[in-house]
Amino acid sequence: MNLVVIGAQWGDEGKGKVVDYLSERADVTVRFSGGANAGHTIVRGDRVYKLHLVPSGIITPEKTVILGSGMVIDPEALFAELRELTNQGVLWEGRVLVSDRAHVVLPAYRKLDVELDRQRADPIGTTGRGIGIAYSKKAMRDGYRIIDILEQQVFDTIDPADRGFLEQYREPLADMVIDVQRYMELKGSKAVLLEGAQGALLDPDLGTYPYVSSGCSAAAGASIGSGIGPRAIDRVVGVFKAYSTRVGNGPFPTEFHADRDGRLIAHIREIGNEYGVTTGRPRRCGYLDLVALRYICRSNSIDSLALTHLDVYDTLDEVKLCVAYDIGQASVETFPASRTALDDAQPVTRKFPGWKTSLSGVTRFETLPQQARDYIAFIEQYTGVPVDIISVGADREQTIVRRDPWIQS
């Protein structure tokens, strides 16, 4: 079975935990897009792992992970991350593989990334990791792939300064590189987990362009980035939080505002630890946006949803979510392409009573407070997609599974 996991919001939804949890049943986990701009946090007991390039499945012993063809890889960042995994006792040697078709991020790309964003009339808020530059070089056919730096004839054509940087990584990379399509074909794996980066609302085609990432973060990217044909994808899981967050600039219709929402943003940010794993920047926070979530469910053929951070609402008297936008004189229930419309959109919210009790120890859906179950039921009704996984804490054991995504119905 080939199972895709994507972010169903603007990233930071808790994909790392969900992928880590699901990886125990996978033979192989493939990260199919993005680069070191991603940040996935995994908590196992008193151990916290922060990953950027390496797929989240690496924390599960004896499992193989692959950095797929749709990724852009900074070798310096990759090997720094691998060293940190070694320091934390993760035995990754022989379990981390890299697609020969993935593209390379060079040091100059990082500086250029920051400079270009600074020159924009309306900056996007890039992480400065050189990701957009690498993808633009790829599109312009001026980039270098992993295979290019390993083949001497091509390597000799690279700028001498870049060759000097890359030379130290050629030998260690050579032991990790594979033809991912051929690997999948020969492996004949029964269970492959395909891990996305960022969120689908940051996808350059589906998202809030131009305030998007540069790699494909939609479910469609899983096929190209993994070497698995689109008809072989069996199931798509979308991960979302009980509220919405966004890092960087761009429209955010449900964002909290102090004059309307009081101290709610401070509460959510602190309880939910809403600070970027990669940048450390505080995340913008807002109500759960069901208009956007339903749009992403439909445009990505999401079969089931994984709800995270539900416990962040434990102490609130009431919780709200967005069911429509007021734009001018119209009430809108579809997600517009127009950034002007999104900038002008005001959330139409629906209130639910809070549950006023800790969910951290709940292990079964049936024992959740009725108020929490009502909140979840409304999300399912609005989106038309079942919520099959519910996270009630950072630890992987604080996970409620209503229906196993690995079992095809």
Protein backbone atom coordinates (compact mmCIF):
# COMPACT_ATOMS: atom_id res chain seq x y z
CA MET A 1 0.00 0.00 0.00
CA ASN A 2 1.20 3.51 -0.85
CA LEU A 3 0.03 6.08 1.73
CA VAL A 4 0.53 9.85 1.25
CA VAL A 5 0.64 12.29 4.18
CA ILE A 6 0.42 16.01 3.43
CA GLY A 7 -0.14 19.18 5.40
CA ALA A 8 -3.67 20.49 4.85
CA GLN A 9 -2.98 24.07 5.99
CA TRP A 10 0.03 26.44 5.74
CA GLY A 11 2.52 23.96 7.17
CA ASP A 12 3.46 23.24 10.81
CA GLU A 13 0.38 21.05 11.22
CA GLY A 14 2.14 18.24 13.07
CA LYS A 15 3.04 16.07 10.07
CA GLY A 16 6.25 14.94 11.76
CA LYS A 17 4.39 13.29 14.60
CA VAL A 18 1.80 11.72 12.29
CA VAL A 19 4.45 10.37 9.92
CA ASP A 20 6.49 9.06 12.84
CA TYR A 21 3.42 7.30 14.21
CA LEU A 22 2.46 5.76 10.85
CA SER A 23 6.05 4.81 9.93
CA GLU A 24 6.04 1.79 12.25
CA ARG A 25 3.85 0.04 9.68
CA ALA A 26 5.83 1.25 6.66
CA ASP A 27 8.68 -0.58 4.97
CA VAL A 28 9.98 2.67 3.45
CA THR A 29 9.26 6.36 4.10
CA VAL A 30 9.88 8.79 1.22
CA ARG A 31 10.04 12.56 1.61
CA PHE A 32 8.86 13.72 -1.80
CA SER A 33 9.38 17.52 -1.83
CA GLY A 34 10.88 20.59 -0.15
CA GLY A 35 14.22 21.18 1.46
CA ALA A 36 15.81 22.37 4.68
CA ASN A 37 13.13 25.05 5.01
CA ALA A 38 10.85 22.37 6.47
CA GLY A 39 10.81 21.61 10.17
CA HIS A 40 9.33 18.48 11.72
CA THR A 41 9.38 17.87 15.48
CA ILE A 42 9.05 14.37 16.92
CA VAL A 43 8.62 13.66 20.63
CA ARG A 44 9.24 10.19 22.06
CA GLY A 45 9.17 10.20 25.82
CA ASP A 46 11.85 12.63 26.98
CA ARG A 47 13.54 12.69 23.56
CA VAL A 48 12.82 15.51 21.08
CA TYR A 49 14.01 15.21 17.48
CA LYS A 50 13.98 18.18 15.11
CA LEU A 51 14.24 17.23 11.45
CA HIS A 52 14.51 19.40 8.35
CA LEU A 53 15.65 17.22 5.43
CA VAL A 54 15.62 13.66 6.74
CA PRO A 55 12.17 11.99 6.57
CA SER A 56 10.43 11.64 9.93
CA GLY A 57 10.36 7.86 9.60
CA ILE A 58 14.08 7.68 10.46
CA ILE A 59 13.30 7.65 14.20
CA THR A 60 11.67 4.22 13.86
CA PRO A 61 14.51 1.63 14.13
CA GLU A 62 15.40 -0.52 11.14
CA LYS A 63 13.21 1.46 8.73
CA THR A 64 14.52 2.90 5.47
CA VAL A 65 13.93 6.53 4.50
CA ILE A 66 14.50 8.22 1.15
CA LEU A 67 15.06 11.84 0.21
CA GLY A 68 13.04 11.87 -3.00
CA SER A 69 13.42 13.33 -6.48
CA GLY A 70 11.24 16.36 -5.78
CA MET A 71 13.50 17.59 -3.00
CA VAL A 72 16.26 20.21 -3.11
CA ILE A 73 19.09 19.15 -0.82
CA ASP A 74 21.71 21.26 0.91
CA PRO A 75 24.53 18.74 1.54
CA GLU A 76 25.95 20.77 4.41
CA ALA A 77 22.55 20.88 6.15
CA LEU A 78 21.94 17.19 5.46
CA PHE A 79 25.15 15.94 7.04
CA ALA A 80 24.81 18.34 9.99
CA GLU A 81 21.38 16.83 10.60
CA LEU A 82 22.76 13.30 10.32
CA ARG A 83 25.49 14.12 12.84
CA GLU A 84 22.86 15.39 15.25
CA LEU A 85 20.88 12.16 14.81
CA THR A 86 24.04 10.21 15.63
CA ASN A 87 24.52 12.32 18.76
CA GLN A 88 20.95 11.45 19.78
CA GLY A 89 21.61 7.74 19.36
CA VAL A 90 19.80 7.22 16.06
CA LEU A 91 21.62 4.64 13.94
CA TRP A 92 20.92 6.00 10.46
CA GLU A 93 23.81 4.54 8.42
CA GLY A 94 22.46 2.38 5.60
CA ARG A 95 18.91 3.58 6.29
CA VAL A 96 19.06 7.06 4.69
CA LEU A 97 19.00 7.01 0.90
CA VAL A 98 18.98 9.90 -1.58
CA SER A 99 17.42 10.06 -5.04
CA ASP A 100 19.95 10.66 -7.80
CA ARG A 101 17.45 13.07 -9.39
CA ALA A 102 17.07 15.38 -6.38
CA HIS A 103 18.55 18.85 -6.90
CA VAL A 104 21.37 20.46 -4.92
CA VAL A 105 21.26 23.70 -2.90
CA LEU A 106 24.56 25.56 -3.15
CA PRO A 107 25.84 28.05 -0.52
CA ALA A 108 25.39 31.08 -2.78
CA TYR A 109 21.68 30.28 -3.08
CA ARG A 110 21.05 31.16 0.57
CA LYS A 111 22.40 34.69 0.28
CA LEU A 112 20.65 35.22 -3.04
CA ASP A 113 17.39 33.98 -1.51
CA VAL A 114 17.54 36.62 1.23
CA GLU A 115 18.61 39.40 -1.16
CA LEU A 116 15.82 38.72 -3.65
CA ASP A 117 13.20 38.71 -0.93
CA ARG A 118 14.56 41.97 0.46
CA GLN A 119 14.25 43.58 -2.97
CA ARG A 120 10.60 42.61 -3.40
CA ALA A 121 8.05 45.39 -3.00
CA ASP A 122 6.07 42.99 -0.83
CA PRO A 123 8.47 40.42 0.72
CA ILE A 124 7.29 36.84 1.01
CA GLY A 125 9.13 36.12 4.26
CA THR A 126 11.45 33.38 2.99
CA THR A 127 13.34 31.19 5.44
CA GLY A 128 16.56 32.14 3.63
CA ARG A 129 17.60 28.53 3.05
CA GLY A 130 18.05 28.92 -0.72
CA ILE A 131 15.09 26.69 -1.51
CA GLY A 132 13.35 29.04 -3.95
CA ILE A 133 16.62 29.68 -5.78
CA ALA A 134 17.28 25.95 -6.17
CA TYR A 135 13.79 25.35 -7.57
CA SER A 136 14.07 28.33 -9.92
CA LYS A 137 17.44 27.04 -11.16
CA LYS A 138 15.81 23.66 -11.70
CA ALA A 139 12.99 25.21 -13.73
CA MET A 140 15.47 27.26 -15.77
CA ARG A 141 17.55 24.11 -16.38
CA ASP A 142 20.56 25.66 -14.69
CA GLY A 143 20.57 23.51 -11.56
CA TYR A 144 22.62 20.51 -10.52
CA ARG A 145 21.26 17.17 -9.42
CA ILE A 146 22.84 14.77 -6.97
CA ILE A 147 23.90 12.54 -9.87
CA ASP A 148 25.62 15.51 -11.54
CA ILE A 149 28.00 16.10 -8.65
CA LEU A 150 28.94 12.41 -8.59
CA GLU A 151 29.75 12.11 -12.30
CA GLN A 152 33.21 13.56 -12.94
CA GLN A 153 32.48 14.83 -16.45
CA VAL A 154 29.60 16.99 -15.22
CA PHE A 155 31.27 17.86 -11.93
CA ASP A 156 34.21 19.40 -13.81
CA THR A 157 31.88 21.94 -15.45
CA ILE A 158 30.71 23.36 -12.09
CA ASP A 159 32.12 26.67 -10.87
CA PRO A 160 35.43 26.03 -9.01
CA ALA A 161 34.16 27.62 -5.76
CA ASP A 162 31.10 25.36 -5.78
CA ARG A 163 33.24 22.34 -6.63
CA GLY A 164 35.37 23.08 -3.59
CA PHE A 165 32.28 23.10 -1.39
CA LEU A 166 30.79 19.94 -2.93
CA GLU A 167 34.00 17.87 -2.99
CA GLN A 168 33.75 16.94 0.69
CA TYR A 169 30.28 15.47 0.21
CA ARG A 170 30.81 13.43 -2.96
CA GLU A 171 32.15 10.31 -1.28
CA PRO A 172 29.62 10.07 1.59
CA LEU A 173 26.74 10.83 -0.79
CA ALA A 174 27.88 8.15 -3.23
CA ASP A 175 27.10 5.48 -0.63
CA MET A 176 23.55 6.80 -0.20
CA VAL A 177 22.40 7.54 -3.76
CA ILE A 178 19.81 5.42 -5.54
CA ASP A 179 17.58 5.46 -8.60
CA VAL A 180 14.39 5.76 -6.55
CA GLN A 181 12.04 4.46 -9.25
CA ARG A 182 14.18 1.37 -9.81
CA TYR A 183 14.62 0.92 -6.06
CA MET A 184 10.86 0.90 -5.54
CA GLU A 185 10.39 -1.51 -8.41
CA LEU A 186 12.97 -3.98 -7.14
CA LYS A 187 12.11 -3.57 -3.47
CA GLY A 188 8.49 -4.53 -4.02
CA SER A 189 7.64 -2.88 -0.69
CA LYS A 190 4.23 -3.70 0.72
CA ALA A 191 3.90 -0.45 2.66
CA VAL A 192 5.35 2.87 1.49
CA LEU A 193 4.73 6.11 3.36
CA LEU A 194 5.06 9.25 1.25
CA GLU A 195 5.80 12.34 3.35
CA GLY A 196 5.16 15.88 2.17
CA ALA A 197 6.70 19.13 3.37
CA GLN A 198 5.08 22.47 4.27
CA GLY A 199 1.32 22.50 3.60
CA ALA A 200 -0.91 22.38 0.54
CA LEU A 201 -1.91 26.04 1.03
CA LEU A 202 1.76 26.80 0.33
CA ASP A 203 1.78 24.82 -2.90
CA PRO A 204 2.72 27.10 -5.85
CA ASP A 205 -0.35 26.01 -7.84
CA LEU A 206 -2.98 25.44 -5.15
CA GLY A 207 -1.81 27.90 -2.52
CA THR A 208 -1.93 31.62 -1.79
CA TYR A 209 0.43 32.63 -4.59
CA PRO A 210 2.90 34.35 -4.51
CA TYR A 211 3.13 33.74 -0.74
CA VAL A 212 3.93 30.08 -1.22
CA SER A 213 6.84 27.70 -1.11
CA SER A 214 8.60 26.67 -4.33
CA GLY A 215 8.25 22.88 -4.17
CA CYS A 216 5.09 20.87 -4.72
CA SER A 217 3.48 20.37 -1.31
CA ALA A 218 0.24 18.95 -2.72
CA ALA A 219 -0.56 15.24 -2.87
CA ALA A 220 0.16 15.21 -6.62
CA GLY A 221 3.86 15.74 -5.86
CA ALA A 222 4.08 12.39 -4.09
CA SER A 223 4.11 10.49 -7.36
CA ILE A 224 6.86 12.47 -9.08
CA GLY A 225 8.99 12.74 -5.96
CA SER A 226 8.86 9.05 -5.10
CA GLY A 227 9.07 7.25 -8.42
CA ILE A 228 5.63 5.73 -7.84
CA GLY A 229 3.04 6.29 -10.58
CA PRO A 230 -0.11 8.28 -9.70
CA ARG A 231 -2.43 5.30 -10.16
CA ALA A 232 -0.45 3.43 -7.51
CA ILE A 233 -1.33 5.93 -4.76
CA ASP A 234 -3.84 4.19 -2.48
CA ARG A 235 -4.71 6.77 0.16
CA VAL A 236 -4.12 10.41 1.07
CA VAL A 237 -4.11 11.66 4.67
CA GLY A 238 -4.31 15.40 5.36
CA VAL A 239 -2.91 16.72 8.65
CA PHE A 240 -4.42 19.85 10.21
CA LYS A 241 -4.48 21.63 13.54
CA ALA A 242 -7.54 22.50 15.64
CA TYR A 243 -6.69 26.10 14.74
CA SER A 244 -4.70 27.70 11.91
CA THR A 245 -1.14 29.04 11.81
CA ARG A 246 1.05 30.65 9.22
CA VAL A 247 4.72 31.70 9.09
CA GLY A 248 5.82 34.59 6.91
CA ASN A 249 3.72 37.02 4.92
CA GLY A 250 0.58 36.44 2.91
CA PRO A 251 -3.20 36.43 3.35
CA PHE A 252 -4.62 34.77 6.46
CA PRO A 253 -8.41 35.37 6.70
CA THR A 254 -8.88 33.87 10.16
CA GLU A 255 -5.85 35.43 11.86
CA PHE A 256 -6.45 36.53 15.45
CA HIS A 257 -6.52 40.28 16.11
CA ALA A 258 -6.10 41.73 19.58
CA ASP A 259 -8.99 44.17 19.24
CA ARG A 260 -11.38 41.34 18.35
CA ASP A 261 -9.86 38.27 20.00
CA GLY A 262 -8.10 39.67 23.06
CA ARG A 263 -5.29 37.49 24.42
CA LEU A 264 -6.30 34.43 22.42
CA ILE A 265 -3.25 34.65 20.16
CA ALA A 266 -0.86 34.73 23.14
CA HIS A 267 -2.65 31.77 24.73
CA ILE A 268 -2.56 29.63 21.57
CA ARG A 269 1.04 30.55 20.73
CA GLU A 270 2.35 29.68 24.19
CA ILE A 271 0.28 26.55 24.89
CA GLY A 272 0.77 25.27 21.34
CA ASN A 273 4.47 26.28 21.23
CA GLU A 274 3.82 28.06 17.97
CA TYR A 275 7.37 28.99 16.99
CA GLY A 276 9.01 27.84 13.78
CA VAL A 277 11.25 24.77 14.04
CA THR A 278 13.46 26.08 11.25
CA THR A 279 13.41 29.84 11.86
CA GLY A 280 12.29 30.20 15.49
CA ARG A 281 9.89 32.92 14.36
CA PRO A 282 6.56 33.18 16.19
CA ARG A 283 3.78 31.81 14.03
CA ARG A 284 0.72 33.81 13.15
CA CYS A 285 -2.34 32.14 14.68
CA GLY A 286 -6.03 32.13 13.88
CA TYR A 287 -9.29 30.20 13.95
CA LEU A 288 -9.55 26.88 12.16
CA ASP A 289 -10.44 27.79 8.58
CA LEU A 290 -12.90 25.21 7.28
CA VAL A 291 -13.33 27.03 3.96
CA ALA A 292 -9.63 26.53 3.22
CA LEU A 293 -9.57 23.02 4.68
CA ARG A 294 -12.48 21.82 2.52
CA TYR A 295 -10.78 23.32 -0.56
CA ILE A 296 -7.58 21.42 0.21
CA CYS A 297 -9.47 18.17 0.90
CA ARG A 298 -11.16 18.33 -2.49
CA SER A 299 -8.16 19.47 -4.53
CA ASN A 300 -5.94 16.73 -3.05
CA SER A 301 -8.43 13.83 -2.91
CA ILE A 302 -7.87 13.57 0.83
CA ASP A 303 -9.43 10.35 2.12
CA SER A 304 -8.97 10.95 5.83
CA LEU A 305 -7.88 13.72 8.16
CA ALA A 306 -5.48 13.75 11.11
CA LEU A 307 -6.38 16.42 13.69
CA THR A 308 -3.54 17.67 15.90
CA HIS A 309 -3.20 20.13 18.81
CA LEU A 310 -6.77 19.55 19.97
CA ASP A 311 -5.49 19.69 23.56
CA VAL A 312 -4.40 23.33 23.09
CA TYR A 313 -8.08 24.26 23.53
CA ASP A 314 -8.46 22.38 26.84
CA THR A 315 -8.87 25.42 29.07
CA LEU A 316 -11.06 27.63 26.87
CA ASP A 317 -14.70 28.38 27.66
CA GLU A 318 -15.58 28.31 23.98
CA VAL A 319 -13.90 27.52 20.68
CA LYS A 320 -14.66 28.99 17.29
CA LEU A 321 -14.04 27.96 13.72
CA CYS A 322 -14.54 29.72 10.39
CA VAL A 323 -17.39 28.52 8.14
CA ALA A 324 -17.41 31.33 5.54
CA TYR A 325 -15.82 34.65 4.60
CA ASP A 326 -17.46 38.05 4.40
CA ILE A 327 -15.90 39.76 1.38
CA GLY A 328 -17.44 43.11 0.64
CA GLN A 329 -21.19 42.60 0.63
CA ALA A 330 -20.99 38.88 -0.12
CA SER A 331 -20.70 35.81 2.09
CA VAL A 332 -18.34 33.32 0.46
CA GLU A 333 -17.90 29.61 1.22
CA THR A 334 -15.29 28.85 -1.44
CA PHE A 335 -11.57 29.60 -1.25
CA PRO A 336 -10.73 32.41 -3.72
CA ALA A 337 -7.62 32.67 -5.88
CA SER A 338 -7.65 36.46 -5.53
CA ARG A 339 -5.20 37.69 -2.92
CA THR A 340 -7.15 40.95 -2.76
CA ALA A 341 -10.28 39.02 -1.83
CA LEU A 342 -8.37 37.00 0.77
CA ASP A 343 -6.84 40.16 2.22
CA ASP A 344 -10.32 41.68 2.55
CA ALA A 345 -11.98 38.50 3.86
CA GLN A 346 -13.43 38.57 7.36
CA PRO A 347 -14.13 35.22 9.02
CA VAL A 348 -17.70 34.14 9.69
CA THR A 349 -17.34 31.98 12.80
CA ARG A 350 -19.36 29.36 14.58
CA LYS A 351 -19.04 28.89 18.34
CA PHE A 352 -18.75 25.62 20.23
CA PRO A 353 -18.63 25.18 24.00
CA GLY A 354 -15.22 24.28 25.37
CA TRP A 355 -14.62 20.97 27.17
CA LYS A 356 -12.71 22.51 30.10
CA THR A 357 -10.77 19.36 30.88
CA SER A 358 -7.40 17.88 29.92
CA LEU A 359 -7.40 15.58 26.89
CA SER A 360 -3.76 14.52 27.31
CA GLY A 361 -4.57 11.12 28.80
CA VAL A 362 -7.47 10.20 26.50
CA THR A 363 -6.75 7.13 24.36
CA ARG A 364 -10.16 6.39 22.80
CA PHE A 365 -12.49 8.61 20.81
CA GLU A 366 -15.48 7.44 22.83
CA THR A 367 -13.98 8.84 26.04
CA LEU A 368 -13.38 12.32 24.65
CA PRO A 369 -15.71 14.92 26.16
CA GLN A 370 -18.94 15.31 24.19
CA GLN A 371 -18.00 18.93 23.39
CA ALA A 372 -14.77 17.80 21.71
CA ARG A 373 -16.61 15.10 19.78
CA ASP A 374 -19.17 17.66 18.60
CA TYR A 375 -16.36 19.93 17.39
CA ILE A 376 -14.84 17.05 15.42
CA ALA A 377 -18.20 15.94 14.04
CA PHE A 378 -18.84 19.41 12.64
CA ILE A 379 -15.44 19.43 10.91
CA GLU A 380 -16.28 16.07 9.30
CA GLN A 381 -19.70 17.29 8.22
CA TYR A 382 -18.35 20.50 6.70
CA THR A 383 -15.40 18.96 4.84
CA GLY A 384 -17.06 15.65 3.96
CA VAL A 385 -13.91 13.82 5.13
CA PRO A 386 -13.60 11.65 8.26
CA VAL A 387 -11.19 12.60 11.04
CA ASP A 388 -9.45 9.27 11.56
CA ILE A 389 -6.51 10.34 13.75
CA ILE A 390 -6.60 12.75 16.71
CA SER A 391 -3.51 13.99 18.52
CA VAL A 392 -3.99 15.15 22.12
CA GLY A 393 -0.35 15.86 22.99
CA ALA A 394 3.16 16.08 21.58
CA ASP A 395 4.21 12.52 22.46
CA ARG A 396 3.53 9.87 19.83
CA GLU A 397 1.61 7.81 22.41
CA GLN A 398 -0.91 10.66 22.80
CA THR A 399 -2.64 9.63 19.61
CA ILE A 400 -6.19 8.37 19.08
CA VAL A 401 -6.76 6.25 15.96
CA ARG A 402 -10.41 5.81 15.01
CA ARG A 403 -9.71 4.12 11.67
CA ASP A 404 -6.31 2.78 10.61
CA PRO A 405 -5.14 4.57 7.43
CA TRP A 406 -3.13 1.50 6.46
CA ILE A 407 -6.31 -0.57 6.11
CA GLN A 408 -8.15 -0.05 2.86
CA SER A 409 -11.90 -0.04 3.20
